[in-house]
Amino acid sequence: QVQLVESGGGLVQPGGSLRLSCAASGFTFRAYAASWFRQPPGKARELVASITSSGGVTNYADSVKGRFTISRDNVKLMMYLQMNSLKPEDTAVYYCNARSYWGKGTLVTVSS
């Protein structure tokens, strides 16, 4: 059974940090590029960051460049999103994606 399970979301103050995790199972995770998406309240889902299957190449949305870091561990079948200098506009449900699979998301709320 294919699963992508996100964790690590929560409430954080502006300027704070969070680390999201995505646990993959049921498919050959290491063979696929993977991404983090987010969906802010009332808005469309958007790409945040992507990483190649080996982890050697990463790409970021302009809005998070320099603040977020995507990484993966193909031995542990995990993907991560380190989020620093968080802003209220980063508030969203964050989803991991690999191949055509999606997790159920984890909510990040940035508020004082």
N, C-alpha and C. Protein backbone atom coordinates (compact mmCIF):
# COMPACT_ATOMS: atom_id res chain seq x y z
N GLN A 1 0.84 -1.18 0.00
CA GLN A 1 0.00 0.00 0.00
C GLN A 1 0.88 1.24 0.00
N VAL A 2 0.66 2.10 -1.00
CA VAL A 2 1.44 3.33 -1.10
C VAL A 2 0.99 4.33 -0.04
N GLN A 3 1.95 4.89 0.65
CA GLN A 3 1.64 5.93 1.63
C GLN A 3 2.71 7.01 1.64
N LEU A 4 2.25 8.25 1.76
CA LEU A 4 3.09 9.39 2.07
C LEU A 4 2.45 10.06 3.27
N VAL A 5 3.19 10.15 4.36
CA VAL A 5 2.64 10.67 5.61
C VAL A 5 3.47 11.86 6.07
N GLU A 6 2.85 13.02 6.11
CA GLU A 6 3.52 14.23 6.56
C GLU A 6 3.38 14.38 8.07
N SER A 7 4.36 15.03 8.67
CA SER A 7 4.30 15.36 10.09
C SER A 7 5.16 16.58 10.35
N GLY A 8 5.00 17.16 11.54
CA GLY A 8 5.84 18.28 11.94
C GLY A 8 5.19 19.64 11.88
N GLY A 9 3.97 19.72 11.39
CA GLY A 9 3.28 20.99 11.35
C GLY A 9 2.88 21.47 12.73
N GLY A 10 2.42 22.71 12.80
CA GLY A 10 1.98 23.26 14.08
C GLY A 10 1.89 24.76 14.03
N LEU A 11 1.76 25.34 15.21
CA LEU A 11 1.67 26.80 15.34
C LEU A 11 3.05 27.34 15.72
N VAL A 12 3.49 28.35 14.99
CA VAL A 12 4.79 28.96 15.25
C VAL A 12 4.67 30.46 15.08
N GLN A 13 5.46 31.20 15.83
CA GLN A 13 5.45 32.65 15.72
C GLN A 13 6.24 33.11 14.49
N PRO A 14 5.90 34.27 13.97
CA PRO A 14 6.70 34.81 12.86
C PRO A 14 8.18 34.87 13.23
N GLY A 15 9.01 34.49 12.26
CA GLY A 15 10.44 34.42 12.51
C GLY A 15 10.92 33.08 13.03
N GLY A 16 10.00 32.23 13.38
CA GLY A 16 10.35 30.92 13.93
C GLY A 16 10.66 29.90 12.84
N SER A 17 10.92 28.67 13.30
CA SER A 17 11.30 27.58 12.40
C SER A 17 10.46 26.34 12.68
N LEU A 18 10.29 25.55 11.65
CA LEU A 18 9.67 24.23 11.75
C LEU A 18 10.38 23.30 10.77
N ARG A 19 10.36 22.02 11.09
CA ARG A 19 10.88 21.01 10.17
C ARG A 19 9.77 20.01 9.87
N LEU A 20 9.36 19.96 8.62
CA LEU A 20 8.37 18.99 8.20
C LEU A 20 9.05 17.72 7.72
N SER A 21 8.38 16.60 7.96
CA SER A 21 8.87 15.31 7.52
C SER A 21 7.81 14.62 6.68
N CYS A 22 8.26 13.80 5.75
CA CYS A 22 7.36 13.01 4.92
C CYS A 22 7.92 11.58 4.88
N ALA A 23 7.14 10.64 5.36
CA ALA A 23 7.55 9.23 5.36
C ALA A 23 6.89 8.50 4.20
N ALA A 24 7.70 7.86 3.38
CA ALA A 24 7.20 7.16 2.20
C ALA A 24 7.25 5.66 2.41
N SER A 25 6.26 4.96 1.86
CA SER A 25 6.24 3.51 1.92
C SER A 25 5.41 2.96 0.78
N GLY A 26 5.67 1.71 0.41
CA GLY A 26 4.84 1.04 -0.59
C GLY A 26 5.25 1.27 -2.03
N PHE A 27 6.32 2.02 -2.28
CA PHE A 27 6.82 2.19 -3.64
C PHE A 27 8.31 2.53 -3.54
N THR A 28 8.96 2.53 -4.70
CA THR A 28 10.41 2.74 -4.74
C THR A 28 10.71 4.23 -4.67
N PHE A 29 10.62 4.76 -3.46
CA PHE A 29 10.75 6.20 -3.25
C PHE A 29 12.04 6.75 -3.86
N ARG A 30 13.13 6.02 -3.71
CA ARG A 30 14.43 6.54 -4.14
C ARG A 30 14.51 6.73 -5.65
N ALA A 31 13.58 6.16 -6.39
CA ALA A 31 13.62 6.25 -7.85
C ALA A 31 12.95 7.51 -8.40
N TYR A 32 12.29 8.26 -7.54
CA TYR A 32 11.48 9.37 -8.02
C TYR A 32 11.87 10.71 -7.42
N ALA A 33 11.77 11.74 -8.25
CA ALA A 33 11.82 13.09 -7.71
C ALA A 33 10.63 13.28 -6.78
N ALA A 34 10.76 14.24 -5.89
CA ALA A 34 9.70 14.49 -4.92
C ALA A 34 9.58 15.98 -4.65
N SER A 35 8.45 16.37 -4.12
CA SER A 35 8.19 17.79 -3.94
C SER A 35 7.37 18.05 -2.68
N TRP A 36 7.46 19.28 -2.22
CA TRP A 36 6.55 19.81 -1.22
C TRP A 36 5.66 20.84 -1.91
N PHE A 37 4.37 20.74 -1.66
CA PHE A 37 3.39 21.71 -2.10
C PHE A 37 2.73 22.30 -0.85
N ARG A 38 2.05 23.41 -1.03
CA ARG A 38 1.25 23.96 0.05
C ARG A 38 -0.03 24.58 -0.50
N GLN A 39 -1.03 24.63 0.35
CA GLN A 39 -2.30 25.24 -0.02
C GLN A 39 -2.72 26.20 1.09
N PRO A 40 -2.53 27.51 0.87
CA PRO A 40 -2.97 28.49 1.86
C PRO A 40 -4.50 28.52 1.94
N PRO A 41 -5.04 29.00 3.03
CA PRO A 41 -6.50 29.05 3.17
C PRO A 41 -7.15 29.83 2.02
N GLY A 42 -8.10 29.22 1.35
CA GLY A 42 -8.84 29.88 0.29
C GLY A 42 -8.09 30.06 -1.02
N LYS A 43 -6.91 29.44 -1.11
CA LYS A 43 -6.11 29.61 -2.32
C LYS A 43 -5.78 28.26 -2.94
N ALA A 44 -5.20 28.32 -4.13
CA ALA A 44 -4.85 27.10 -4.83
C ALA A 44 -3.56 26.49 -4.29
N ARG A 45 -3.42 25.19 -4.51
CA ARG A 45 -2.19 24.51 -4.12
C ARG A 45 -1.04 25.01 -4.99
N GLU A 46 0.13 25.19 -4.36
CA GLU A 46 1.28 25.71 -5.08
C GLU A 46 2.53 24.92 -4.74
N LEU A 47 3.45 24.86 -5.69
CA LEU A 47 4.70 24.16 -5.48
C LEU A 47 5.61 25.01 -4.59
N VAL A 48 6.19 24.37 -3.59
CA VAL A 48 7.11 25.05 -2.68
C VAL A 48 8.56 24.72 -3.02
N ALA A 49 8.85 23.42 -3.15
CA ALA A 49 10.22 22.99 -3.40
C ALA A 49 10.20 21.59 -3.99
N SER A 50 11.23 21.29 -4.78
CA SER A 50 11.33 19.96 -5.37
C SER A 50 12.77 19.47 -5.27
N ILE A 51 12.93 18.15 -5.36
CA ILE A 51 14.25 17.54 -5.22
C ILE A 51 14.31 16.32 -6.13
N THR A 52 15.45 16.14 -6.78
CA THR A 52 15.60 15.00 -7.67
C THR A 52 15.72 13.70 -6.88
N SER A 53 15.65 12.59 -7.58
CA SER A 53 15.65 11.29 -6.92
C SER A 53 16.89 11.07 -6.06
N SER A 54 18.03 11.54 -6.52
CA SER A 54 19.28 11.38 -5.77
C SER A 54 19.46 12.44 -4.70
N GLY A 55 18.68 13.50 -4.81
CA GLY A 55 18.83 14.62 -3.88
C GLY A 55 19.85 15.64 -4.34
N GLY A 56 20.40 15.44 -5.52
CA GLY A 56 21.48 16.30 -5.96
C GLY A 56 21.06 17.66 -6.47
N VAL A 57 19.81 17.78 -6.89
CA VAL A 57 19.33 19.06 -7.43
C VAL A 57 18.03 19.43 -6.73
N THR A 58 17.96 20.68 -6.31
CA THR A 58 16.76 21.18 -5.65
C THR A 58 16.30 22.46 -6.33
N ASN A 59 15.02 22.72 -6.22
CA ASN A 59 14.45 23.96 -6.74
C ASN A 59 13.43 24.49 -5.76
N TYR A 60 13.29 25.82 -5.75
CA TYR A 60 12.41 26.46 -4.78
C TYR A 60 11.55 27.52 -5.44
N ALA A 61 10.37 27.70 -4.90
CA ALA A 61 9.56 28.85 -5.28
C ALA A 61 10.27 30.12 -4.81
N ASP A 62 10.12 31.19 -5.57
CA ASP A 62 10.79 32.44 -5.20
C ASP A 62 10.40 32.89 -3.81
N SER A 63 9.18 32.61 -3.41
CA SER A 63 8.67 33.09 -2.12
C SER A 63 9.35 32.44 -0.92
N VAL A 64 10.01 31.30 -1.13
CA VAL A 64 10.64 30.60 0.00
C VAL A 64 12.15 30.48 -0.16
N LYS A 65 12.67 30.91 -1.29
CA LYS A 65 14.09 30.76 -1.57
C LYS A 65 14.91 31.48 -0.50
N GLY A 66 15.92 30.77 0.02
CA GLY A 66 16.77 31.33 1.06
C GLY A 66 16.25 31.11 2.46
N ARG A 67 15.00 30.66 2.59
CA ARG A 67 14.42 30.41 3.92
C ARG A 67 14.11 28.94 4.15
N PHE A 68 13.74 28.24 3.10
CA PHE A 68 13.38 26.82 3.19
C PHE A 68 14.46 25.95 2.56
N THR A 69 14.62 24.75 3.10
CA THR A 69 15.56 23.78 2.53
C THR A 69 14.88 22.41 2.44
N ILE A 70 14.87 21.86 1.24
CA ILE A 70 14.32 20.53 1.03
C ILE A 70 15.47 19.52 1.03
N SER A 71 15.23 18.34 1.60
CA SER A 71 16.24 17.29 1.61
C SER A 71 15.53 15.94 1.68
N ARG A 72 16.29 14.90 1.47
CA ARG A 72 15.71 13.56 1.53
C ARG A 72 16.75 12.56 2.00
N ASP A 73 16.27 11.47 2.53
CA ASP A 73 17.10 10.35 2.97
C ASP A 73 16.52 9.09 2.33
N ASN A 74 17.15 8.62 1.27
CA ASN A 74 16.60 7.48 0.53
C ASN A 74 16.80 6.15 1.26
N VAL A 75 17.63 6.14 2.28
CA VAL A 75 17.76 4.92 3.10
C VAL A 75 16.58 4.83 4.06
N LYS A 76 16.26 5.95 4.67
CA LYS A 76 15.15 5.99 5.62
C LYS A 76 13.80 6.20 4.92
N LEU A 77 13.80 6.45 3.61
CA LEU A 77 12.58 6.72 2.84
C LEU A 77 11.86 7.94 3.40
N MET A 78 12.61 9.00 3.61
CA MET A 78 12.07 10.22 4.20
C MET A 78 12.41 11.43 3.33
N MET A 79 11.55 12.41 3.40
CA MET A 79 11.83 13.72 2.81
C MET A 79 11.53 14.77 3.87
N TYR A 80 12.28 15.88 3.81
CA TYR A 80 12.16 16.90 4.83
C TYR A 80 12.01 18.28 4.19
N LEU A 81 11.44 19.19 4.98
CA LEU A 81 11.41 20.59 4.59
C LEU A 81 11.74 21.40 5.84
N GLN A 82 12.93 21.95 5.87
CA GLN A 82 13.34 22.84 6.96
C GLN A 82 12.87 24.24 6.60
N MET A 83 12.05 24.82 7.45
CA MET A 83 11.47 26.13 7.20
C MET A 83 11.94 27.10 8.27
N ASN A 84 12.67 28.12 7.85
CA ASN A 84 13.20 29.14 8.77
C ASN A 84 12.60 30.49 8.43
N SER A 85 12.73 31.42 9.34
CA SER A 85 12.24 32.79 9.14
C SER A 85 10.80 32.78 8.63
N LEU A 86 9.97 32.02 9.29
CA LEU A 86 8.60 31.85 8.83
C LEU A 86 7.81 33.16 8.90
N LYS A 87 6.92 33.32 7.93
CA LYS A 87 6.09 34.51 7.82
C LYS A 87 4.61 34.09 7.88
N PRO A 88 3.73 35.01 8.26
CA PRO A 88 2.31 34.66 8.28
C PRO A 88 1.82 34.13 6.93
N GLU A 89 2.37 34.61 5.86
CA GLU A 89 1.94 34.15 4.53
C GLU A 89 2.40 32.73 4.21
N ASP A 90 3.20 32.14 5.08
CA ASP A 90 3.57 30.73 4.93
C ASP A 90 2.50 29.80 5.51
N THR A 91 1.51 30.37 6.15
CA THR A 91 0.43 29.56 6.71
C THR A 91 -0.28 28.80 5.60
N ALA A 92 -0.35 27.47 5.77
CA ALA A 92 -0.93 26.62 4.73
C ALA A 92 -0.94 25.18 5.21
N VAL A 93 -1.65 24.35 4.48
CA VAL A 93 -1.49 22.91 4.62
C VAL A 93 -0.38 22.50 3.66
N TYR A 94 0.61 21.79 4.19
CA TYR A 94 1.76 21.38 3.40
C TYR A 94 1.63 19.90 3.04
N TYR A 95 1.86 19.59 1.76
CA TYR A 95 1.71 18.25 1.24
C TYR A 95 3.02 17.77 0.63
N CYS A 96 3.32 16.49 0.79
CA CYS A 96 4.43 15.93 0.03
C CYS A 96 3.88 15.13 -1.14
N ASN A 97 4.67 15.10 -2.18
CA ASN A 97 4.27 14.47 -3.43
C ASN A 97 5.45 13.74 -4.03
N ALA A 98 5.22 12.54 -4.48
CA ALA A 98 6.23 11.78 -5.21
C ALA A 98 5.49 10.90 -6.21
N ARG A 99 6.03 10.83 -7.42
CA ARG A 99 5.34 10.16 -8.51
C ARG A 99 3.95 10.78 -8.61
N SER A 100 2.91 10.04 -8.54
CA SER A 100 1.56 10.62 -8.60
C SER A 100 0.89 10.54 -7.23
N TYR A 101 1.67 10.29 -6.19
CA TYR A 101 1.11 10.07 -4.88
C TYR A 101 1.17 11.33 -4.04
N TRP A 102 0.17 11.47 -3.18
CA TRP A 102 0.07 12.63 -2.29
C TRP A 102 -0.17 12.16 -0.86
N GLY A 103 0.40 12.93 0.08
CA GLY A 103 0.03 12.71 1.47
C GLY A 103 -1.24 13.48 1.79
N LYS A 104 -1.68 13.37 3.04
CA LYS A 104 -2.91 14.06 3.46
C LYS A 104 -2.64 15.46 3.97
N GLY A 105 -1.39 15.80 4.17
CA GLY A 105 -1.03 17.15 4.54
C GLY A 105 -0.84 17.36 6.02
N THR A 106 -0.08 18.41 6.34
CA THR A 106 0.12 18.84 7.72
C THR A 106 -0.02 20.36 7.76
N LEU A 107 -0.74 20.85 8.76
CA LEU A 107 -1.06 22.28 8.82
C LEU A 107 0.05 23.05 9.51
N VAL A 108 0.49 24.10 8.86
CA VAL A 108 1.45 25.04 9.44
C VAL A 108 0.75 26.39 9.60
N THR A 109 0.75 26.90 10.82
CA THR A 109 0.14 28.20 11.10
C THR A 109 1.21 29.11 11.68
N VAL A 110 1.43 30.23 11.02
CA VAL A 110 2.42 31.21 11.48
C VAL A 110 1.66 32.43 11.97
N SER A 111 1.68 32.61 13.26
CA SER A 111 0.89 33.68 13.86
C SER A 111 1.45 34.03 15.23
N SER A 112 1.31 35.31 15.59
CA SER A 112 1.71 35.74 16.93
C SER A 112 0.52 35.70 17.87
